[in-house]
């Protein structure tokens, strides 16, 4: 319980949710930098064998998950029309992983599908929910920032992809440190969260 309250992450009790990072959203400001950060987090999930679940919003109209991301290791890739990722197929997978205590949530759009998902997860009172600020995006910065603020006020942990990676790795002597180091050697791409000085 203390680990959940403090926002700690245990690799054996954590699951990643990748929300609707699809081809039709490439027009968004900061998308290229956002996609680089998302790719690092998805790659980390593969290296660390963190379960990954992926959704696509109305993929017939909005396209599939962007080709930049290798999601072959995902436990499932599900099409949806509901804004929340908490559709029956995802609930089924969460039920199959009952040991999960923490969910790392990232994707598009911050104020719609990501926020709806966060609310549904919080309502179960089963998980700590971690929103990766440099791996979520909205069409406008205002919507993105307001969504992050709302989700924080509701009990989500607002974090960054590097913070997630190092919380899960915990130790420089971890046997997979060298594989992970390649992901974080290059500085996080600027996704416009703060004005440039």
N, C-alpha and C. Protein backbone atom coordinates (compact mmCIF):
# COMPACT_ATOMS: atom_id res chain seq x y z
N UNK A 1 0.83 -1.21 0.00
CA UNK A 1 0.00 0.00 0.00
C UNK A 1 0.86 1.26 0.00
N UNK A 2 1.93 1.26 0.83
CA UNK A 2 2.81 2.44 0.89
C UNK A 2 3.45 2.71 -0.46
N UNK A 3 3.85 1.64 -1.17
CA UNK A 3 4.47 1.81 -2.48
C UNK A 3 3.52 2.51 -3.44
N UNK A 4 2.25 2.11 -3.43
CA UNK A 4 1.26 2.75 -4.30
C UNK A 4 1.08 4.20 -3.93
N UNK A 5 0.98 4.48 -2.64
CA UNK A 5 0.73 5.84 -2.18
C UNK A 5 1.88 6.77 -2.54
N UNK A 6 3.09 6.25 -2.52
CA UNK A 6 4.28 7.06 -2.79
C UNK A 6 4.64 7.12 -4.28
N UNK A 7 3.93 6.38 -5.09
CA UNK A 7 4.21 6.40 -6.52
C UNK A 7 5.41 5.57 -6.93
N UNK A 8 5.79 4.62 -6.08
CA UNK A 8 6.90 3.75 -6.43
C UNK A 8 6.45 2.74 -7.49
N UNK A 9 7.41 2.23 -8.25
CA UNK A 9 7.10 1.27 -9.32
C UNK A 9 7.91 0.00 -9.13
N UNK A 10 7.21 -1.12 -9.15
CA UNK A 10 7.83 -2.43 -9.04
C UNK A 10 7.70 -3.11 -10.40
N UNK A 11 8.82 -3.50 -11.04
CA UNK A 11 8.71 -4.07 -12.39
C UNK A 11 7.82 -5.30 -12.49
N UNK A 12 7.70 -6.05 -11.41
CA UNK A 12 6.87 -7.26 -11.46
C UNK A 12 5.39 -6.96 -11.20
N UNK A 13 5.07 -5.68 -10.91
CA UNK A 13 3.69 -5.32 -10.60
C UNK A 13 3.21 -4.11 -11.40
N UNK A 14 3.89 -3.87 -12.54
CA UNK A 14 3.60 -2.69 -13.36
C UNK A 14 3.18 -3.12 -14.76
N UNK A 15 2.26 -2.36 -15.35
CA UNK A 15 1.78 -2.60 -16.71
C UNK A 15 1.74 -1.27 -17.45
N UNK A 16 2.06 -1.30 -18.74
CA UNK A 16 2.04 -0.10 -19.58
C UNK A 16 0.79 -0.11 -20.47
N UNK A 17 0.15 1.05 -20.58
CA UNK A 17 -0.97 1.24 -21.51
C UNK A 17 -0.59 2.31 -22.53
N UNK A 18 -0.57 1.94 -23.80
CA UNK A 18 -0.26 2.86 -24.90
C UNK A 18 -1.56 3.20 -25.62
N UNK A 19 -1.93 4.47 -25.55
CA UNK A 19 -3.25 4.92 -25.99
C UNK A 19 -3.21 5.64 -27.34
N UNK A 20 -3.65 4.97 -28.39
CA UNK A 20 -4.06 5.62 -29.64
C UNK A 20 -2.99 6.48 -30.32
N UNK A 21 -1.77 5.99 -30.40
CA UNK A 21 -0.71 6.74 -31.10
C UNK A 21 -0.75 6.31 -32.56
N UNK A 22 -1.60 7.00 -33.34
CA UNK A 22 -1.96 6.55 -34.68
C UNK A 22 -1.54 7.52 -35.77
N UNK A 23 -1.50 6.99 -36.99
CA UNK A 23 -0.97 7.72 -38.14
C UNK A 23 -1.65 9.07 -38.37
N UNK A 24 -2.95 9.16 -38.19
CA UNK A 24 -3.68 10.39 -38.50
C UNK A 24 -3.35 11.53 -37.54
N UNK A 25 -2.64 11.23 -36.47
CA UNK A 25 -2.31 12.28 -35.50
C UNK A 25 -0.94 12.91 -35.75
N UNK A 26 -0.27 12.52 -36.81
CA UNK A 26 1.07 13.05 -37.08
C UNK A 26 1.08 14.57 -37.29
N UNK A 27 -0.06 15.15 -37.61
CA UNK A 27 -0.12 16.60 -37.85
C UNK A 27 0.07 17.42 -36.57
N UNK A 28 -0.06 16.81 -35.42
CA UNK A 28 -0.03 17.56 -34.16
C UNK A 28 1.34 18.19 -33.92
N UNK A 29 1.31 19.39 -33.33
CA UNK A 29 2.56 20.03 -32.92
C UNK A 29 3.31 19.12 -31.97
N UNK A 30 4.62 19.06 -32.12
CA UNK A 30 5.52 18.29 -31.26
C UNK A 30 5.40 16.78 -31.48
N UNK A 31 4.67 16.33 -32.51
CA UNK A 31 4.44 14.89 -32.66
C UNK A 31 5.74 14.11 -32.83
N UNK A 32 6.66 14.61 -33.64
CA UNK A 32 7.90 13.86 -33.91
C UNK A 32 8.70 13.64 -32.63
N UNK A 33 8.81 14.70 -31.82
CA UNK A 33 9.55 14.57 -30.56
C UNK A 33 8.81 13.68 -29.57
N UNK A 34 7.50 13.84 -29.51
CA UNK A 34 6.66 12.98 -28.68
C UNK A 34 6.86 11.51 -29.06
N UNK A 35 6.86 11.22 -30.36
CA UNK A 35 6.99 9.83 -30.83
C UNK A 35 8.34 9.24 -30.44
N UNK A 36 9.39 10.06 -30.45
CA UNK A 36 10.71 9.57 -30.03
C UNK A 36 10.68 9.14 -28.57
N UNK A 37 10.05 9.95 -27.73
CA UNK A 37 9.95 9.60 -26.31
C UNK A 37 9.11 8.34 -26.10
N UNK A 38 7.98 8.28 -26.80
CA UNK A 38 7.11 7.10 -26.69
C UNK A 38 7.87 5.84 -27.12
N UNK A 39 8.64 5.96 -28.19
CA UNK A 39 9.40 4.81 -28.68
C UNK A 39 10.37 4.29 -27.63
N UNK A 40 10.98 5.19 -26.88
CA UNK A 40 11.91 4.77 -25.82
C UNK A 40 11.17 4.00 -24.72
N UNK A 41 9.98 4.47 -24.38
CA UNK A 41 9.22 3.80 -23.32
C UNK A 41 8.71 2.43 -23.80
N UNK A 42 8.27 2.36 -25.04
CA UNK A 42 7.83 1.08 -25.61
C UNK A 42 9.00 0.10 -25.69
N UNK A 43 10.16 0.60 -26.12
CA UNK A 43 11.35 -0.25 -26.19
C UNK A 43 11.75 -0.75 -24.81
N UNK A 44 11.64 0.13 -23.82
CA UNK A 44 11.96 -0.27 -22.45
C UNK A 44 11.03 -1.38 -21.99
N UNK A 45 9.75 -1.29 -22.33
CA UNK A 45 8.80 -2.33 -21.90
C UNK A 45 9.20 -3.68 -22.46
N UNK A 46 9.78 -3.68 -23.66
CA UNK A 46 10.23 -4.94 -24.26
C UNK A 46 11.46 -5.47 -23.54
N UNK A 47 12.43 -4.60 -23.29
CA UNK A 47 13.67 -5.01 -22.61
C UNK A 47 13.37 -5.54 -21.22
N UNK A 48 12.49 -4.87 -20.51
CA UNK A 48 12.20 -5.20 -19.11
C UNK A 48 11.03 -6.19 -18.96
N UNK A 49 10.45 -6.56 -20.09
CA UNK A 49 9.32 -7.49 -20.09
C UNK A 49 8.15 -6.98 -19.24
N UNK A 50 7.91 -5.67 -19.35
CA UNK A 50 6.74 -5.05 -18.72
C UNK A 50 5.55 -5.29 -19.66
N UNK A 51 4.45 -5.86 -19.18
CA UNK A 51 3.30 -6.07 -20.08
C UNK A 51 2.83 -4.75 -20.70
N UNK A 52 2.56 -4.79 -22.00
CA UNK A 52 2.12 -3.62 -22.76
C UNK A 52 0.79 -3.94 -23.43
N UNK A 53 -0.18 -3.05 -23.24
CA UNK A 53 -1.46 -3.15 -23.94
C UNK A 53 -1.63 -1.90 -24.79
N UNK A 54 -2.07 -2.08 -26.03
CA UNK A 54 -2.18 -0.98 -27.00
C UNK A 54 -3.62 -0.89 -27.49
N UNK A 55 -4.12 0.35 -27.62
CA UNK A 55 -5.41 0.55 -28.27
C UNK A 55 -5.26 1.49 -29.46
N UNK A 56 -6.25 1.41 -30.35
CA UNK A 56 -6.34 2.28 -31.51
C UNK A 56 -7.78 2.78 -31.60
N UNK A 57 -7.93 4.10 -31.68
CA UNK A 57 -9.26 4.70 -31.74
C UNK A 57 -9.77 4.71 -33.18
N UNK A 58 -10.84 3.96 -33.43
CA UNK A 58 -11.48 3.96 -34.75
C UNK A 58 -10.43 3.87 -35.86
N UNK A 59 -9.68 2.79 -35.86
CA UNK A 59 -8.51 2.67 -36.74
C UNK A 59 -8.87 2.72 -38.22
N UNK A 60 -10.11 2.40 -38.57
CA UNK A 60 -10.51 2.48 -39.98
C UNK A 60 -10.42 3.92 -40.49
N UNK A 61 -10.65 4.88 -39.60
CA UNK A 61 -10.59 6.30 -39.98
C UNK A 61 -9.26 6.95 -39.60
N UNK A 62 -8.70 6.55 -38.45
CA UNK A 62 -7.53 7.25 -37.90
C UNK A 62 -6.22 6.50 -38.12
N UNK A 63 -6.29 5.34 -38.75
CA UNK A 63 -5.07 4.59 -39.04
C UNK A 63 -4.63 3.71 -37.88
N UNK A 64 -3.62 2.91 -38.16
CA UNK A 64 -3.08 2.00 -37.16
C UNK A 64 -2.03 2.73 -36.31
N UNK A 65 -1.54 2.04 -35.31
CA UNK A 65 -0.43 2.57 -34.50
C UNK A 65 0.73 2.91 -35.42
N UNK A 66 1.40 4.03 -35.17
CA UNK A 66 2.46 4.50 -36.07
C UNK A 66 3.54 3.43 -36.24
N UNK A 67 4.08 3.37 -37.44
CA UNK A 67 5.06 2.34 -37.78
C UNK A 67 6.38 2.54 -37.04
N UNK A 68 6.60 3.73 -36.47
CA UNK A 68 7.83 4.00 -35.71
C UNK A 68 7.95 3.10 -34.49
N UNK A 69 6.82 2.60 -34.00
CA UNK A 69 6.80 1.87 -32.74
C UNK A 69 6.75 0.36 -32.99
N UNK A 70 7.64 -0.36 -32.33
CA UNK A 70 7.62 -1.82 -32.39
C UNK A 70 6.75 -2.33 -31.25
N UNK A 71 5.54 -2.75 -31.59
CA UNK A 71 4.60 -3.20 -30.56
C UNK A 71 4.30 -4.70 -30.69
N UNK A 72 5.20 -5.42 -31.34
CA UNK A 72 4.97 -6.86 -31.53
C UNK A 72 4.89 -7.61 -30.21
N UNK A 73 5.53 -7.08 -29.18
CA UNK A 73 5.53 -7.76 -27.87
C UNK A 73 4.29 -7.43 -27.05
N UNK A 74 3.41 -6.57 -27.57
CA UNK A 74 2.22 -6.17 -26.80
C UNK A 74 1.34 -7.39 -26.51
N UNK A 75 0.71 -7.38 -25.34
CA UNK A 75 -0.20 -8.45 -24.96
C UNK A 75 -1.47 -8.42 -25.79
N UNK A 76 -1.77 -7.24 -26.35
CA UNK A 76 -2.93 -7.10 -27.21
C UNK A 76 -2.97 -5.73 -27.84
N UNK A 77 -3.48 -5.65 -29.06
CA UNK A 77 -3.71 -4.38 -29.76
C UNK A 77 -5.19 -4.37 -30.13
N UNK A 78 -5.94 -3.42 -29.56
CA UNK A 78 -7.39 -3.46 -29.67
C UNK A 78 -7.94 -2.19 -30.29
N UNK A 79 -8.83 -2.37 -31.25
CA UNK A 79 -9.55 -1.24 -31.83
C UNK A 79 -10.69 -0.87 -30.88
N UNK A 80 -11.03 0.42 -30.85
CA UNK A 80 -12.11 0.85 -29.96
C UNK A 80 -12.81 2.06 -30.54
N UNK A 81 -14.01 2.31 -30.06
CA UNK A 81 -14.72 3.55 -30.35
C UNK A 81 -14.91 4.35 -29.07
N UNK A 82 -14.95 3.66 -27.94
CA UNK A 82 -15.03 4.32 -26.64
C UNK A 82 -13.77 5.15 -26.44
N UNK A 83 -13.89 6.29 -25.79
CA UNK A 83 -12.71 7.12 -25.55
C UNK A 83 -11.74 6.45 -24.58
N UNK A 84 -12.26 5.87 -23.52
CA UNK A 84 -11.41 5.19 -22.55
C UNK A 84 -10.82 3.91 -23.13
N UNK A 85 -9.61 3.58 -22.69
CA UNK A 85 -9.01 2.30 -23.04
C UNK A 85 -9.66 1.15 -22.27
N UNK A 86 -10.45 1.46 -21.28
CA UNK A 86 -11.02 0.41 -20.41
C UNK A 86 -12.22 -0.25 -21.07
N UNK A 87 -11.93 -0.94 -22.16
CA UNK A 87 -12.92 -1.71 -22.90
C UNK A 87 -12.86 -3.16 -22.41
N UNK A 88 -13.85 -3.99 -22.75
CA UNK A 88 -13.87 -5.36 -22.23
C UNK A 88 -12.58 -6.15 -22.46
N UNK A 89 -11.98 -6.00 -23.65
CA UNK A 89 -10.76 -6.75 -23.95
C UNK A 89 -9.62 -6.35 -23.02
N UNK A 90 -9.53 -5.06 -22.71
CA UNK A 90 -8.47 -4.59 -21.80
C UNK A 90 -8.77 -5.05 -20.38
N UNK A 91 -10.03 -4.96 -19.97
CA UNK A 91 -10.41 -5.47 -18.64
C UNK A 91 -10.06 -6.95 -18.51
N UNK A 92 -10.26 -7.70 -19.58
CA UNK A 92 -9.94 -9.13 -19.55
C UNK A 92 -8.45 -9.34 -19.30
N UNK A 93 -7.62 -8.58 -20.02
CA UNK A 93 -6.17 -8.71 -19.83
C UNK A 93 -5.74 -8.26 -18.44
N UNK A 94 -6.35 -7.19 -17.95
CA UNK A 94 -6.03 -6.75 -16.59
C UNK A 94 -6.42 -7.83 -15.58
N UNK A 95 -7.53 -8.50 -15.85
CA UNK A 95 -7.95 -9.60 -14.98
C UNK A 95 -6.98 -10.76 -15.02
N UNK A 96 -6.35 -10.96 -16.18
CA UNK A 96 -5.35 -12.02 -16.31
C UNK A 96 -4.04 -11.66 -15.62
N UNK A 97 -3.87 -10.39 -15.30
CA UNK A 97 -2.66 -9.90 -14.62
C UNK A 97 -3.06 -9.28 -13.28
N UNK A 98 -3.64 -10.08 -12.42
CA UNK A 98 -4.20 -9.56 -11.17
C UNK A 98 -3.15 -9.05 -10.19
N UNK A 99 -1.90 -9.37 -10.44
CA UNK A 99 -0.81 -8.91 -9.58
C UNK A 99 -0.45 -7.45 -9.84
N UNK A 100 -1.00 -6.86 -10.90
CA UNK A 100 -0.64 -5.49 -11.26
C UNK A 100 -1.16 -4.50 -10.21
N UNK A 101 -0.26 -3.60 -9.78
CA UNK A 101 -0.62 -2.55 -8.83
C UNK A 101 -0.47 -1.15 -9.42
N UNK A 102 0.41 -1.03 -10.43
CA UNK A 102 0.70 0.29 -11.01
C UNK A 102 0.54 0.23 -12.52
N UNK A 103 -0.08 1.27 -13.06
CA UNK A 103 -0.26 1.37 -14.51
C UNK A 103 0.38 2.66 -15.01
N UNK A 104 1.25 2.51 -16.00
CA UNK A 104 1.90 3.65 -16.66
C UNK A 104 1.13 3.90 -17.95
N UNK A 105 0.55 5.10 -18.05
CA UNK A 105 -0.37 5.43 -19.15
C UNK A 105 0.22 6.56 -19.99
N UNK A 106 0.21 6.37 -21.32
CA UNK A 106 0.75 7.40 -22.21
C UNK A 106 0.11 7.28 -23.58
N UNK A 107 0.10 8.40 -24.33
CA UNK A 107 -0.49 8.39 -25.66
C UNK A 107 -1.27 9.64 -25.99
N UNK A 108 -2.33 9.48 -26.78
CA UNK A 108 -3.09 10.58 -27.38
C UNK A 108 -4.59 10.37 -27.15
N UNK A 109 -5.41 11.38 -26.99
CA UNK A 109 -5.06 12.74 -26.62
C UNK A 109 -5.16 12.88 -25.11
N UNK A 110 -4.31 13.72 -24.57
CA UNK A 110 -4.23 13.88 -23.11
C UNK A 110 -5.58 14.14 -22.47
N UNK A 111 -6.35 15.05 -23.07
CA UNK A 111 -7.59 15.52 -22.44
C UNK A 111 -8.81 14.69 -22.81
N UNK A 112 -8.63 13.71 -23.68
CA UNK A 112 -9.77 12.88 -24.08
C UNK A 112 -9.49 11.43 -23.68
N UNK A 113 -8.88 10.67 -24.55
CA UNK A 113 -8.74 9.23 -24.30
C UNK A 113 -7.83 8.91 -23.12
N UNK A 114 -6.74 9.65 -22.97
CA UNK A 114 -5.85 9.40 -21.83
C UNK A 114 -6.58 9.72 -20.53
N UNK A 115 -7.23 10.88 -20.47
CA UNK A 115 -7.92 11.27 -19.23
C UNK A 115 -9.09 10.34 -18.92
N UNK A 116 -9.88 9.97 -19.92
CA UNK A 116 -10.98 9.03 -19.69
C UNK A 116 -10.46 7.71 -19.12
N UNK A 117 -9.34 7.25 -19.67
CA UNK A 117 -8.74 6.00 -19.19
C UNK A 117 -8.28 6.14 -17.76
N UNK A 118 -7.60 7.24 -17.46
CA UNK A 118 -7.11 7.47 -16.10
C UNK A 118 -8.26 7.47 -15.10
N UNK A 119 -9.35 8.14 -15.45
CA UNK A 119 -10.50 8.20 -14.54
C UNK A 119 -11.09 6.81 -14.30
N UNK A 120 -11.21 6.02 -15.36
CA UNK A 120 -11.76 4.67 -15.21
C UNK A 120 -10.86 3.79 -14.35
N UNK A 121 -9.55 3.94 -14.52
CA UNK A 121 -8.61 3.15 -13.72
C UNK A 121 -8.66 3.57 -12.25
N UNK A 122 -8.68 4.88 -12.01
CA UNK A 122 -8.75 5.37 -10.63
C UNK A 122 -10.04 4.91 -9.95
N UNK A 123 -11.12 4.85 -10.71
CA UNK A 123 -12.42 4.47 -10.14
C UNK A 123 -12.43 3.03 -9.64
N UNK A 124 -11.53 2.19 -10.16
CA UNK A 124 -11.47 0.80 -9.68
C UNK A 124 -10.84 0.71 -8.30
N UNK A 125 -10.06 1.72 -7.94
CA UNK A 125 -9.33 1.74 -6.66
C UNK A 125 -8.36 0.56 -6.53
N UNK A 126 -7.89 0.07 -7.68
CA UNK A 126 -6.95 -1.06 -7.68
C UNK A 126 -5.52 -0.66 -8.02
N UNK A 127 -5.37 0.48 -8.70
CA UNK A 127 -4.08 0.81 -9.28
C UNK A 127 -3.62 2.22 -8.92
N UNK A 128 -2.29 2.38 -8.83
CA UNK A 128 -1.75 3.73 -8.92
C UNK A 128 -1.55 4.01 -10.41
N UNK A 129 -1.90 5.21 -10.84
CA UNK A 129 -1.88 5.56 -12.26
C UNK A 129 -0.81 6.63 -12.48
N UNK A 130 0.11 6.33 -13.39
CA UNK A 130 1.24 7.21 -13.68
C UNK A 130 1.09 7.73 -15.11
N UNK A 131 0.93 9.04 -15.24
CA UNK A 131 0.77 9.68 -16.55
C UNK A 131 2.13 10.23 -16.98
N UNK A 132 2.59 9.82 -18.15
CA UNK A 132 3.93 10.21 -18.60
C UNK A 132 3.81 11.51 -19.40
N UNK A 133 4.16 12.63 -18.75
CA UNK A 133 3.87 13.96 -19.31
C UNK A 133 4.55 14.20 -20.65
N UNK A 134 5.78 13.68 -20.84
CA UNK A 134 6.46 13.90 -22.11
C UNK A 134 6.15 12.80 -23.13
N UNK A 135 5.16 11.98 -22.81
CA UNK A 135 4.68 10.94 -23.74
C UNK A 135 3.17 10.99 -23.89
N UNK A 136 2.57 12.16 -23.62
CA UNK A 136 1.16 12.39 -23.94
C UNK A 136 1.08 13.65 -24.80
N UNK A 137 0.04 13.75 -25.59
CA UNK A 137 -0.08 14.87 -26.52
C UNK A 137 -1.56 15.19 -26.74
N UNK A 138 -1.82 16.48 -27.01
CA UNK A 138 -3.14 16.94 -27.45
C UNK A 138 -2.94 17.88 -28.62
N UNK A 139 -4.00 18.20 -29.31
CA UNK A 139 -3.88 19.13 -30.44
C UNK A 139 -3.45 20.50 -29.96
N UNK A 140 -3.85 20.89 -28.75
CA UNK A 140 -3.43 22.19 -28.22
C UNK A 140 -2.69 22.00 -26.91
N UNK A 141 -1.73 22.87 -26.66
CA UNK A 141 -0.97 22.82 -25.42
C UNK A 141 -1.88 23.10 -24.23
N UNK A 142 -2.87 23.98 -24.41
CA UNK A 142 -3.80 24.28 -23.32
C UNK A 142 -4.52 23.03 -22.85
N UNK A 143 -5.07 22.26 -23.80
CA UNK A 143 -5.76 21.03 -23.42
C UNK A 143 -4.82 20.04 -22.74
N UNK A 144 -3.63 19.96 -23.25
CA UNK A 144 -2.65 19.02 -22.66
C UNK A 144 -2.32 19.41 -21.23
N UNK A 145 -2.00 20.69 -21.01
CA UNK A 145 -1.60 21.14 -19.68
C UNK A 145 -2.76 21.06 -18.69
N UNK A 146 -3.95 21.44 -19.14
CA UNK A 146 -5.11 21.37 -18.25
C UNK A 146 -5.43 19.92 -17.88
N UNK A 147 -5.28 19.01 -18.84
CA UNK A 147 -5.53 17.59 -18.56
C UNK A 147 -4.54 17.06 -17.54
N UNK A 148 -3.27 17.41 -17.69
CA UNK A 148 -2.26 16.96 -16.72
C UNK A 148 -2.58 17.49 -15.34
N UNK A 149 -3.00 18.75 -15.28
CA UNK A 149 -3.36 19.35 -13.99
C UNK A 149 -4.56 18.65 -13.37
N UNK A 150 -5.58 18.37 -14.18
CA UNK A 150 -6.77 17.67 -13.66
C UNK A 150 -6.41 16.28 -13.17
N UNK A 151 -5.63 15.56 -13.96
CA UNK A 151 -5.30 14.18 -13.57
C UNK A 151 -4.45 14.15 -12.31
N UNK A 152 -3.56 15.12 -12.16
CA UNK A 152 -2.79 15.21 -10.91
C UNK A 152 -3.72 15.44 -9.73
N UNK A 153 -4.67 16.36 -9.89
CA UNK A 153 -5.56 16.70 -8.78
C UNK A 153 -6.46 15.53 -8.39
N UNK A 154 -6.69 14.61 -9.33
CA UNK A 154 -7.54 13.45 -9.07
C UNK A 154 -6.78 12.27 -8.48
N UNK A 155 -5.46 12.39 -8.43
CA UNK A 155 -4.68 11.33 -7.78
C UNK A 155 -3.69 10.60 -8.65
N UNK A 156 -3.54 11.02 -9.90
CA UNK A 156 -2.52 10.41 -10.76
C UNK A 156 -1.14 10.97 -10.42
N UNK A 157 -0.12 10.18 -10.67
CA UNK A 157 1.25 10.65 -10.58
C UNK A 157 1.66 11.15 -11.96
N UNK A 158 2.10 12.40 -12.03
CA UNK A 158 2.56 12.97 -13.30
C UNK A 158 4.07 12.82 -13.34
N UNK A 159 4.56 12.17 -14.38
CA UNK A 159 5.97 11.79 -14.41
C UNK A 159 6.54 12.00 -15.81
N UNK A 160 7.76 11.53 -16.03
CA UNK A 160 8.40 11.58 -17.35
C UNK A 160 8.89 10.18 -17.69
N UNK A 161 9.20 9.97 -18.96
CA UNK A 161 9.60 8.61 -19.34
C UNK A 161 10.90 8.20 -18.66
N UNK A 162 11.85 9.15 -18.50
CA UNK A 162 13.10 8.78 -17.82
C UNK A 162 12.85 8.44 -16.36
N UNK A 163 11.97 9.18 -15.71
CA UNK A 163 11.64 8.90 -14.32
C UNK A 163 11.06 7.49 -14.18
N UNK A 164 10.17 7.12 -15.10
CA UNK A 164 9.59 5.78 -15.09
C UNK A 164 10.68 4.72 -15.27
N UNK A 165 11.54 4.93 -16.24
CA UNK A 165 12.60 3.95 -16.53
C UNK A 165 13.50 3.73 -15.32
N UNK A 166 13.95 4.83 -14.70
CA UNK A 166 14.88 4.67 -13.58
C UNK A 166 14.19 4.16 -12.32
N UNK A 167 12.91 4.49 -12.14
CA UNK A 167 12.18 3.92 -11.01
C UNK A 167 12.05 2.41 -11.14
N UNK A 168 11.86 1.94 -12.35
CA UNK A 168 11.72 0.50 -12.57
C UNK A 168 13.06 -0.22 -12.55
N UNK A 169 14.12 0.44 -13.00
CA UNK A 169 15.43 -0.21 -13.04
C UNK A 169 16.09 -0.26 -11.66
N UNK A 170 15.97 0.82 -10.91
CA UNK A 170 16.37 0.91 -9.50
C UNK A 170 17.87 0.88 -9.23
N UNK A 171 18.68 0.21 -10.04
CA UNK A 171 20.08 -0.01 -9.67
C UNK A 171 20.95 -0.02 -10.92
N UNK A 172 22.07 0.69 -10.86
CA UNK A 172 23.02 0.71 -11.98
C UNK A 172 23.55 -0.69 -12.27
N UNK A 173 23.54 -1.54 -11.28
CA UNK A 173 24.05 -2.91 -11.45
C UNK A 173 22.99 -3.88 -11.97
N UNK A 174 21.84 -3.35 -12.35
CA UNK A 174 20.81 -4.23 -12.94
C UNK A 174 21.40 -4.88 -14.20
N UNK A 175 21.17 -6.17 -14.41
CA UNK A 175 21.76 -6.86 -15.57
C UNK A 175 21.36 -6.28 -16.93
N UNK A 176 20.27 -5.53 -16.98
CA UNK A 176 19.84 -4.94 -18.25
C UNK A 176 20.20 -3.46 -18.36
N UNK A 177 21.05 -2.99 -17.45
CA UNK A 177 21.40 -1.57 -17.43
C UNK A 177 21.97 -1.10 -18.76
N UNK A 178 22.90 -1.86 -19.34
CA UNK A 178 23.54 -1.42 -20.57
C UNK A 178 22.56 -1.33 -21.73
N UNK A 179 21.59 -2.24 -21.77
CA UNK A 179 20.56 -2.16 -22.81
C UNK A 179 19.70 -0.92 -22.63
N UNK A 180 19.37 -0.62 -21.39
CA UNK A 180 18.51 0.53 -21.10
C UNK A 180 19.27 1.83 -21.29
N UNK A 181 20.54 1.84 -20.97
CA UNK A 181 21.34 3.07 -21.08
C UNK A 181 21.28 3.65 -22.49
N UNK A 182 21.21 2.78 -23.49
CA UNK A 182 21.13 3.25 -24.87
C UNK A 182 19.87 4.09 -25.11
N UNK A 183 18.82 3.81 -24.34
CA UNK A 183 17.56 4.56 -24.51
C UNK A 183 17.63 5.95 -23.90
N UNK A 184 18.45 6.13 -22.89
CA UNK A 184 18.45 7.40 -22.15
C UNK A 184 19.72 8.22 -22.37
N UNK A 185 20.66 7.70 -23.17
CA UNK A 185 21.89 8.45 -23.44
C UNK A 185 21.56 9.77 -24.12
N UNK A 186 20.65 9.71 -25.10
CA UNK A 186 20.18 10.92 -25.77
C UNK A 186 19.13 11.59 -24.90
N UNK A 187 19.28 12.90 -24.70
CA UNK A 187 18.35 13.64 -23.85
C UNK A 187 16.92 13.52 -24.37
N UNK A 188 15.99 13.52 -23.45
CA UNK A 188 14.57 13.48 -23.79
C UNK A 188 14.24 14.57 -24.81
N UNK A 189 13.46 14.20 -25.82
CA UNK A 189 13.05 15.19 -26.83
C UNK A 189 12.08 16.19 -26.21
N UNK A 190 12.24 17.45 -26.59
CA UNK A 190 11.40 18.52 -26.06
C UNK A 190 10.01 18.44 -26.68
N UNK A 191 9.01 18.22 -25.84
CA UNK A 191 7.64 18.13 -26.35
C UNK A 191 6.81 19.36 -26.00
N UNK A 192 7.48 20.47 -25.66
CA UNK A 192 6.78 21.73 -25.48
C UNK A 192 6.09 21.93 -24.16
N UNK A 193 6.46 21.13 -23.14
CA UNK A 193 5.81 21.29 -21.83
C UNK A 193 6.16 22.61 -21.18
N UNK A 194 7.38 23.09 -21.45
CA UNK A 194 7.83 24.34 -20.84
C UNK A 194 8.38 25.25 -21.93
N UNK A 195 8.19 26.57 -21.80
CA UNK A 195 8.72 27.48 -22.81
C UNK A 195 10.24 27.46 -22.83
N UNK A 196 10.81 27.60 -24.01
CA UNK A 196 12.27 27.64 -24.12
C UNK A 196 12.77 28.98 -23.61
N UNK A 197 13.86 28.92 -22.85
CA UNK A 197 14.43 30.15 -22.28
C UNK A 197 15.35 30.82 -23.28
